[in-house]
Amino acid sequence: MIKESVNALSDALDSAIMHMDADQWALTAQTDDYAEGIAAFREGREPKFTGN
């Protein structure tokens, strides 16, 4: 029963964290630094982040 309880709690936390991750990605994907990081990766150069 203890193992079932621990597994249930762990699964509940995983679901909550997955939602947080999606929210944080959605906010980050709208920034200039995100676009710069993608562009730098595709062009094979170091990114120049501005903090925006």
C-alpha atoms as a PDB file:
ATOM      1  CA  MET A   1       0.000   0.000   0.000  1.00  0.00           C
ATOM      2  CA  ILE A   2       2.860   2.352   0.719  1.00  0.00           C
ATOM      3  CA  LYS A   3       4.355   1.697  -2.712  1.00  0.00           C
ATOM      4  CA  GLU A   4       0.987   2.413  -4.349  1.00  0.00           C
ATOM      5  CA  SER A   5       0.688   5.663  -2.390  1.00  0.00           C
ATOM      6  CA  VAL A   6       4.175   6.804  -3.358  1.00  0.00           C
ATOM      7  CA  ASN A   7       3.560   5.949  -7.016  1.00  0.00           C
ATOM      8  CA  ALA A   8       0.216   7.802  -7.010  1.00  0.00           C
ATOM      9  CA  LEU A   9       1.826  10.886  -5.467  1.00  0.00           C
ATOM     10  CA  SER A  10       4.708  10.735  -7.931  1.00  0.00           C
ATOM     11  CA  ASP A  11       2.322  10.501 -10.877  1.00  0.00           C
ATOM     12  CA  ALA A  12       0.296  13.460  -9.595  1.00  0.00           C
ATOM     13  CA  LEU A  13       3.430  15.595  -9.338  1.00  0.00           C
ATOM     14  CA  ASP A  14       4.548  14.562 -12.831  1.00  0.00           C
ATOM     15  CA  SER A  15       1.280  15.828 -14.294  1.00  0.00           C
ATOM     16  CA  ALA A  16       1.563  19.151 -12.476  1.00  0.00           C
ATOM     17  CA  ILE A  17       5.156  19.634 -13.589  1.00  0.00           C
ATOM     18  CA  MET A  18       4.338  18.794 -17.213  1.00  0.00           C
ATOM     19  CA  HIS A  19       1.732  21.586 -17.246  1.00  0.00           C
ATOM     20  CA  MET A  20       4.218  24.030 -15.741  1.00  0.00           C
ATOM     21  CA  ASP A  21       6.802  23.067 -18.351  1.00  0.00           C
ATOM     22  CA  ALA A  22       4.369  23.714 -21.200  1.00  0.00           C
ATOM     23  CA  ASP A  23       3.391  27.105 -19.761  1.00  0.00           C
ATOM     24  CA  GLN A  24       7.007  28.150 -19.295  1.00  0.00           C
ATOM     25  CA  TRP A  25       7.927  27.055 -22.828  1.00  0.00           C
ATOM     26  CA  ALA A  26       4.993  29.022 -24.278  1.00  0.00           C
ATOM     27  CA  LEU A  27       6.190  32.193 -22.531  1.00  0.00           C
ATOM     28  CA  THR A  28       9.835  31.637 -23.435  1.00  0.00           C
ATOM     29  CA  ALA A  29       9.069  30.921 -27.101  1.00  0.00           C
ATOM     30  CA  GLN A  30       7.739  34.466 -27.485  1.00  0.00           C
ATOM     31  CA  THR A  31      11.033  36.179 -26.541  1.00  0.00           C
ATOM     32  CA  ASP A  32      13.711  37.723 -28.727  1.00  0.00           C
ATOM     33  CA  ASP A  33      16.334  35.543 -27.013  1.00  0.00           C
ATOM     34  CA  TYR A  34      14.452  32.388 -28.039  1.00  0.00           C
ATOM     35  CA  ALA A  35      14.432  33.513 -31.675  1.00  0.00           C
ATOM     36  CA  GLU A  36      18.120  34.429 -31.432  1.00  0.00           C
ATOM     37  CA  GLY A  37      18.981  31.031 -29.959  1.00  0.00           C
ATOM     38  CA  ILE A  38      17.182  29.190 -32.756  1.00  0.00           C
ATOM     39  CA  ALA A  39      18.734  31.394 -35.448  1.00  0.00           C
ATOM     40  CA  ALA A  40      22.240  31.004 -33.997  1.00  0.00           C
ATOM     41  CA  PHE A  41      21.853  27.225 -33.813  1.00  0.00           C
ATOM     42  CA  ARG A  42      20.695  27.005 -37.424  1.00  0.00           C
ATOM     43  CA  GLU A  43      23.512  29.278 -38.606  1.00  0.00           C
ATOM     44  CA  GLY A  44      26.162  27.445 -36.563  1.00  0.00           C
ATOM     45  CA  ARG A  45      27.239  30.496 -34.570  1.00  0.00           C
ATOM     46  CA  GLU A  46      27.291  31.616 -30.961  1.00  0.00           C
ATOM     47  CA  PRO A  47      24.054  33.344 -29.873  1.00  0.00           C
ATOM     48  CA  LYS A  48      24.031  36.998 -28.843  1.00  0.00           C
ATOM     49  CA  PHE A  49      21.431  37.134 -26.083  1.00  0.00           C
ATOM     50  CA  THR A  50      20.085  40.505 -24.975  1.00  0.00           C
ATOM     51  CA  GLY A  51      17.881  39.435 -22.069  1.00  0.00           C
ATOM     52  CA  ASN A  52      14.615  40.094 -23.885  1.00  0.00           C
END
